[in-house]
Amino acid sequence: MYGSGQMGGEFAFLPLLVVVPTIGWYGARTHAPARATVVRIAAATYVAAVLAVAFFPLPLPPYEVGVATADYRGLPYPWFAPIPFETIRASLGLGFEWPAARFLLGNALVLLPLGMLIRLGTTGRTWPFALVVALGVSLGIELLQLAMSLSMGFPYRVADVDDVILNVTGAMLGWVGAGFLVRALERR
C-alpha cells in the first residue's frame, strides 16, 4: 500500500531543536518560575510525541495502491469507523494479545499526559474544561487522519470513533491522577 518510502516519526521531533531553547530563553527572559518552564518544555515534547504517534510513519508518493482501496465507494469503511464501541469490542474479543492491547492501551495512554498537563499546568481548570480540550484534540486528530487518507486516495489511517472514546477516557484519567499527585505532594 505504501509507495517507495515513508517519513518516520522522528520528523515530528525536529521542531523541538528550536522550540525547547526558545522556551528556555523565554523563561529566563521573563523570570518565569522553573516549574512553568519545565511544564512548557514537557508540553512541547508531548505535542511532538502525539504527532509522531498519530500521523507517522507517513507514506511518501508515489503510492502503490490496489484497485480495491483506490476508490471512495467503500465509504465509510475502511476510511471511517463510526459505530461506537465496535472496535473496542472486537479488540477485547481477541484477548490481551499484543495488537489488541496496543490499540486499547495506546489510545487510552496517548492523551493521558494531556489531562495531567491541564491539571498541573493551569490553575482553576475544572474537569469539564479538560473534557472539552481532550475531545477537541482527539476529534482534530481523527479528522486530520481522515482528511490525509482521503487526500492520498487510500485509507492510510482509519478515523475511528472508538479512538476518540479511548483518548478522552485516558485524558480524564490523567486529569484525575494529577489531582491525586498534587494532593500527595502537598501532604509532604
C-alpha atoms as a PDB file:
ATOM      1  CA  MET A   1       0.000   0.000   0.000  1.00  0.00           C
ATOM      2  CA  TYR A   2       2.845   2.403   0.728  1.00  0.00           C
ATOM      3  CA  GLY A   3       4.964   3.843  -2.039  1.00  0.00           C
ATOM      4  CA  SER A   4       8.682   3.903  -2.405  1.00  0.00           C
ATOM      5  CA  GLY A   5       9.312   5.394   1.006  1.00  0.00           C
ATOM      6  CA  GLN A   6       7.920   6.760   4.173  1.00  0.00           C
ATOM      7  CA  MET A   7       8.707   9.554   6.566  1.00  0.00           C
ATOM      8  CA  GLY A   8       9.335   8.275  10.093  1.00  0.00           C
ATOM      9  CA  GLY A   9       8.092   9.765  13.334  1.00  0.00           C
ATOM     10  CA  GLU A  10      11.458  11.338  14.136  1.00  0.00           C
ATOM     11  CA  PHE A  11      10.488  14.241  11.873  1.00  0.00           C
ATOM     12  CA  ALA A  12       7.845  15.271  14.401  1.00  0.00           C
ATOM     13  CA  PHE A  13      10.628  15.921  16.946  1.00  0.00           C
ATOM     14  CA  LEU A  14      12.794  18.164  14.733  1.00  0.00           C
ATOM     15  CA  PRO A  15      10.958  21.382  15.676  1.00  0.00           C
ATOM     16  CA  LEU A  16      11.982  20.740  19.297  1.00  0.00           C
ATOM     17  CA  LEU A  17      15.530  21.730  18.324  1.00  0.00           C
ATOM     18  CA  VAL A  18      14.204  25.279  18.047  1.00  0.00           C
ATOM     19  CA  VAL A  19      11.226  25.200  20.395  1.00  0.00           C
ATOM     20  CA  VAL A  20      12.945  23.898  23.561  1.00  0.00           C
ATOM     21  CA  PRO A  21      15.766  26.506  23.567  1.00  0.00           C
ATOM     22  CA  THR A  22      13.195  29.194  22.790  1.00  0.00           C
ATOM     23  CA  ILE A  23      11.071  28.156  25.769  1.00  0.00           C
ATOM     24  CA  GLY A  24      14.174  28.180  27.982  1.00  0.00           C
ATOM     25  CA  TRP A  25      15.221  31.603  26.697  1.00  0.00           C
ATOM     26  CA  TYR A  26      11.705  32.993  27.185  1.00  0.00           C
ATOM     27  CA  GLY A  27      11.533  31.578  30.719  1.00  0.00           C
ATOM     28  CA  ALA A  28      14.867  33.163  31.634  1.00  0.00           C
ATOM     29  CA  ARG A  29      13.966  36.473  29.988  1.00  0.00           C
ATOM     30  CA  THR A  30      10.613  36.767  31.772  1.00  0.00           C
ATOM     31  CA  HIS A  31      11.911  35.313  35.042  1.00  0.00           C
ATOM     32  CA  ALA A  32       9.243  32.608  34.847  1.00  0.00           C
ATOM     33  CA  PRO A  33       9.257  30.030  37.627  1.00  0.00           C
ATOM     34  CA  ALA A  34      11.280  26.929  36.811  1.00  0.00           C
ATOM     35  CA  ARG A  35       8.127  24.800  37.145  1.00  0.00           C
ATOM     36  CA  ALA A  36       6.393  26.807  34.407  1.00  0.00           C
ATOM     37  CA  THR A  37       9.355  26.423  32.064  1.00  0.00           C
ATOM     38  CA  VAL A  38       9.549  22.675  32.719  1.00  0.00           C
ATOM     39  CA  VAL A  39       5.795  22.278  32.104  1.00  0.00           C
ATOM     40  CA  ARG A  40       6.103  24.209  28.815  1.00  0.00           C
ATOM     41  CA  ILE A  41       9.020  22.053  27.649  1.00  0.00           C
ATOM     42  CA  ALA A  42       7.121  18.908  28.668  1.00  0.00           C
ATOM     43  CA  ALA A  43       4.055  20.136  26.773  1.00  0.00           C
ATOM     44  CA  ALA A  44       6.077  20.846  23.609  1.00  0.00           C
ATOM     45  CA  THR A  45       7.750  17.438  23.789  1.00  0.00           C
ATOM     46  CA  TYR A  46       4.384  15.800  24.382  1.00  0.00           C
ATOM     47  CA  VAL A  47       2.859  17.519  21.328  1.00  0.00           C
ATOM     48  CA  ALA A  48       5.724  16.202  19.201  1.00  0.00           C
ATOM     49  CA  ALA A  49       5.195  12.691  20.585  1.00  0.00           C
ATOM     50  CA  VAL A  50       1.447  12.786  19.859  1.00  0.00           C
ATOM     51  CA  LEU A  51       2.143  13.948  16.302  1.00  0.00           C
ATOM     52  CA  ALA A  52       4.666  11.127  15.861  1.00  0.00           C
ATOM     53  CA  VAL A  53       2.202   8.506  17.111  1.00  0.00           C
ATOM     54  CA  ALA A  54      -0.892   9.836  15.341  1.00  0.00           C
ATOM     55  CA  PHE A  55       0.489  10.637  11.889  1.00  0.00           C
ATOM     56  CA  PHE A  56       3.739   8.781  11.308  1.00  0.00           C
ATOM     57  CA  PRO A  57       5.101   6.856   9.510  1.00  0.00           C
ATOM     58  CA  LEU A  58       3.802   8.972   6.669  1.00  0.00           C
ATOM     59  CA  PRO A  59       3.829   7.266   3.278  1.00  0.00           C
ATOM     60  CA  LEU A  60       5.523   9.229   0.529  1.00  0.00           C
ATOM     61  CA  PRO A  61       4.418   9.293  -3.111  1.00  0.00           C
ATOM     62  CA  PRO A  62       4.240   7.556  -5.467  1.00  0.00           C
ATOM     63  CA  TYR A  63       1.632   5.447  -3.709  1.00  0.00           C
ATOM     64  CA  GLU A  64       1.218   1.836  -4.743  1.00  0.00           C
ATOM     65  CA  VAL A  65      -2.469   1.393  -4.120  1.00  0.00           C
ATOM     66  CA  GLY A  66      -4.561  -1.594  -5.120  1.00  0.00           C
ATOM     67  CA  VAL A  67      -7.730  -1.082  -7.126  1.00  0.00           C
ATOM     68  CA  ALA A  68      -9.893  -2.255  -4.207  1.00  0.00           C
ATOM     69  CA  THR A  69      -8.829   0.643  -1.976  1.00  0.00           C
ATOM     70  CA  ALA A  70      -8.192   3.295  -4.617  1.00  0.00           C
ATOM     71  CA  ASP A  71     -11.798   4.491  -4.887  1.00  0.00           C
ATOM     72  CA  TYR A  72     -14.166   6.012  -2.378  1.00  0.00           C
ATOM     73  CA  ARG A  73     -17.023   3.537  -2.881  1.00  0.00           C
ATOM     74  CA  GLY A  74     -16.162   1.905   0.438  1.00  0.00           C
ATOM     75  CA  LEU A  75     -17.112   4.969   2.466  1.00  0.00           C
ATOM     76  CA  PRO A  76     -17.328   4.987   5.379  1.00  0.00           C
ATOM     77  CA  TYR A  77     -15.381   1.721   5.644  1.00  0.00           C
ATOM     78  CA  PRO A  78     -12.384   1.360   5.617  1.00  0.00           C
ATOM     79  CA  TRP A  79     -11.975   5.132   5.865  1.00  0.00           C
ATOM     80  CA  PHE A  80     -14.082   5.799   8.931  1.00  0.00           C
ATOM     81  CA  ALA A  81     -15.397   3.571  11.739  1.00  0.00           C
ATOM     82  CA  PRO A  82     -18.468   5.446  13.046  1.00  0.00           C
ATOM     83  CA  ILE A  83     -20.049   2.807  15.311  1.00  0.00           C
ATOM     84  CA  PRO A  84     -19.190   3.393  19.000  1.00  0.00           C
ATOM     85  CA  PHE A  85     -17.522   0.509  20.844  1.00  0.00           C
ATOM     86  CA  GLU A  86     -17.325  -1.716  17.737  1.00  0.00           C
ATOM     87  CA  THR A  87     -13.519  -1.672  17.546  1.00  0.00           C
ATOM     88  CA  ILE A  88     -13.180  -1.835  21.332  1.00  0.00           C
ATOM     89  CA  ARG A  89     -15.465  -4.887  21.458  1.00  0.00           C
ATOM     90  CA  ALA A  90     -13.513  -6.579  18.651  1.00  0.00           C
ATOM     91  CA  SER A  91     -10.212  -5.889  20.423  1.00  0.00           C
ATOM     92  CA  LEU A  92     -11.499  -7.229  23.735  1.00  0.00           C
ATOM     93  CA  GLY A  93     -12.733 -10.328  21.895  1.00  0.00           C
ATOM     94  CA  LEU A  94      -9.150 -11.016  20.807  1.00  0.00           C
ATOM     95  CA  GLY A  95      -7.947 -11.028  24.390  1.00  0.00           C
ATOM     96  CA  PHE A  96      -4.945  -9.128  25.589  1.00  0.00           C
ATOM     97  CA  GLU A  97      -2.595 -10.211  22.859  1.00  0.00           C
ATOM     98  CA  TRP A  98      -0.245  -7.521  21.555  1.00  0.00           C
ATOM     99  CA  PRO A  99      -2.257  -5.962  18.676  1.00  0.00           C
ATOM    100  CA  ALA A 100      -5.467  -5.706  20.685  1.00  0.00           C
ATOM    101  CA  ALA A 101      -3.688  -4.460  23.803  1.00  0.00           C
ATOM    102  CA  ARG A 102      -1.755  -1.927  21.727  1.00  0.00           C
ATOM    103  CA  PHE A 103      -4.999  -0.491  20.370  1.00  0.00           C
ATOM    104  CA  LEU A 104      -6.737  -0.279  23.728  1.00  0.00           C
ATOM    105  CA  LEU A 105      -3.822   0.840  25.878  1.00  0.00           C
ATOM    106  CA  GLY A 106      -2.201   3.012  23.235  1.00  0.00           C
ATOM    107  CA  ASN A 107      -5.326   5.037  22.562  1.00  0.00           C
ATOM    108  CA  ALA A 108      -6.061   5.412  26.274  1.00  0.00           C
ATOM    109  CA  LEU A 109      -2.496   6.407  27.129  1.00  0.00           C
ATOM    110  CA  VAL A 110      -1.839   8.819  24.271  1.00  0.00           C
ATOM    111  CA  LEU A 111      -3.887  11.654  25.799  1.00  0.00           C
ATOM    112  CA  LEU A 112      -3.333  10.727  29.459  1.00  0.00           C
ATOM    113  CA  PRO A 113      -0.480  13.278  29.743  1.00  0.00           C
ATOM    114  CA  LEU A 114      -2.754  15.946  28.260  1.00  0.00           C
ATOM    115  CA  GLY A 115      -5.131  15.555  31.185  1.00  0.00           C
ATOM    116  CA  MET A 116      -2.191  15.740  33.583  1.00  0.00           C
ATOM    117  CA  LEU A 117      -0.762  18.839  31.883  1.00  0.00           C
ATOM    118  CA  ILE A 118      -4.137  20.578  32.023  1.00  0.00           C
ATOM    119  CA  ARG A 119      -4.418  19.868  35.754  1.00  0.00           C
ATOM    120  CA  LEU A 120      -0.795  20.694  36.594  1.00  0.00           C
ATOM    121  CA  GLY A 121      -0.088  23.442  34.087  1.00  0.00           C
ATOM    122  CA  THR A 122      -3.166  25.586  34.574  1.00  0.00           C
ATOM    123  CA  THR A 123      -4.909  27.000  37.601  1.00  0.00           C
ATOM    124  CA  GLY A 124      -8.612  26.814  38.244  1.00  0.00           C
ATOM    125  CA  ARG A 125      -9.350  24.461  35.327  1.00  0.00           C
ATOM    126  CA  THR A 126     -12.142  22.040  36.093  1.00  0.00           C
ATOM    127  CA  TRP A 127     -12.827  18.618  34.639  1.00  0.00           C
ATOM    128  CA  PRO A 128     -15.331  19.937  32.053  1.00  0.00           C
ATOM    129  CA  PHE A 129     -12.546  22.101  30.611  1.00  0.00           C
ATOM    130  CA  ALA A 130     -10.237  19.071  30.431  1.00  0.00           C
ATOM    131  CA  LEU A 131     -13.021  17.039  28.821  1.00  0.00           C
ATOM    132  CA  VAL A 132     -13.670  19.652  26.129  1.00  0.00           C
ATOM    133  CA  VAL A 133      -9.963  20.075  25.360  1.00  0.00           C
ATOM    134  CA  ALA A 134      -9.417  16.296  25.162  1.00  0.00           C
ATOM    135  CA  LEU A 135     -12.466  15.872  22.951  1.00  0.00           C
ATOM    136  CA  GLY A 136     -11.315  18.684  20.664  1.00  0.00           C
ATOM    137  CA  VAL A 137      -7.770  17.332  20.374  1.00  0.00           C
ATOM    138  CA  SER A 138      -8.942  13.771  19.745  1.00  0.00           C
ATOM    139  CA  LEU A 139     -11.561  14.798  17.169  1.00  0.00           C
ATOM    140  CA  GLY A 140      -8.969  17.003  15.482  1.00  0.00           C
ATOM    141  CA  ILE A 141      -6.532  14.098  15.202  1.00  0.00           C
ATOM    142  CA  GLU A 142      -9.174  11.742  13.801  1.00  0.00           C
ATOM    143  CA  LEU A 143     -10.487  14.290  11.289  1.00  0.00           C
ATOM    144  CA  LEU A 144      -6.968  15.092  10.128  1.00  0.00           C
ATOM    145  CA  GLN A 145      -6.220  11.373   9.730  1.00  0.00           C
ATOM    146  CA  LEU A 146      -9.391  11.019   7.636  1.00  0.00           C
ATOM    147  CA  ALA A 147      -8.506  14.066   5.527  1.00  0.00           C
ATOM    148  CA  MET A 148      -4.988  12.723   4.953  1.00  0.00           C
ATOM    149  CA  SER A 149      -6.342   9.315   3.923  1.00  0.00           C
ATOM    150  CA  LEU A 150      -8.868  10.862   1.545  1.00  0.00           C
ATOM    151  CA  SER A 151      -6.227  13.129   0.011  1.00  0.00           C
ATOM    152  CA  MET A 152      -3.862  10.176  -0.516  1.00  0.00           C
ATOM    153  CA  GLY A 153      -6.623   8.093  -2.048  1.00  0.00           C
ATOM    154  CA  PHE A 154      -6.325   5.122   0.287  1.00  0.00           C
ATOM    155  CA  PRO A 155      -7.096   4.518   3.976  1.00  0.00           C
ATOM    156  CA  TYR A 156      -3.683   5.353   5.402  1.00  0.00           C
ATOM    157  CA  ARG A 157      -5.248   5.676   8.857  1.00  0.00           C
ATOM    158  CA  VAL A 158      -8.808   4.826   9.821  1.00  0.00           C
ATOM    159  CA  ALA A 159     -10.688   7.562  11.651  1.00  0.00           C
ATOM    160  CA  ASP A 160     -12.390   5.624  14.454  1.00  0.00           C
ATOM    161  CA  VAL A 161     -14.928   6.909  16.961  1.00  0.00           C
ATOM    162  CA  ASP A 162     -13.514   4.379  19.445  1.00  0.00           C
ATOM    163  CA  ASP A 163     -10.165   6.186  19.263  1.00  0.00           C
ATOM    164  CA  VAL A 164     -11.951   9.324  20.465  1.00  0.00           C
ATOM    165  CA  ILE A 165     -13.661   7.414  23.299  1.00  0.00           C
ATOM    166  CA  LEU A 166     -10.389   5.879  24.489  1.00  0.00           C
ATOM    167  CA  ASN A 167      -8.410   9.117  24.043  1.00  0.00           C
ATOM    168  CA  VAL A 168     -10.874  11.149  26.112  1.00  0.00           C
ATOM    169  CA  THR A 169     -11.046   8.419  28.769  1.00  0.00           C
ATOM    170  CA  GLY A 170      -7.259   8.463  29.027  1.00  0.00           C
ATOM    171  CA  ALA A 171      -7.146  12.262  29.298  1.00  0.00           C
ATOM    172  CA  MET A 172      -9.713  12.234  32.075  1.00  0.00           C
ATOM    173  CA  LEU A 173      -7.790   9.516  33.930  1.00  0.00           C
ATOM    174  CA  GLY A 174      -4.713  11.732  33.623  1.00  0.00           C
ATOM    175  CA  TRP A 175      -6.634  14.711  35.000  1.00  0.00           C
ATOM    176  CA  VAL A 176      -7.851  12.663  37.985  1.00  0.00           C
ATOM    177  CA  GLY A 177      -4.405  11.097  38.525  1.00  0.00           C
ATOM    178  CA  ALA A 178      -2.750  14.510  38.538  1.00  0.00           C
ATOM    179  CA  GLY A 179      -5.166  15.568  41.268  1.00  0.00           C
ATOM    180  CA  PHE A 180      -4.055  12.642  43.425  1.00  0.00           C
ATOM    181  CA  LEU A 181      -0.425  13.513  42.657  1.00  0.00           C
ATOM    182  CA  VAL A 182      -0.899  17.148  43.690  1.00  0.00           C
ATOM    183  CA  ARG A 183      -2.611  16.133  46.950  1.00  0.00           C
ATOM    184  CA  ALA A 184       0.141  13.620  47.749  1.00  0.00           C
ATOM    185  CA  LEU A 185       2.853  16.209  47.137  1.00  0.00           C
ATOM    186  CA  GLU A 186       1.034  18.815  49.267  1.00  0.00           C
ATOM    187  CA  ARG A 187       0.949  16.408  52.232  1.00  0.00           C
ATOM    188  CA  ARG A 188       4.726  16.015  52.174  1.00  0.00           C
END
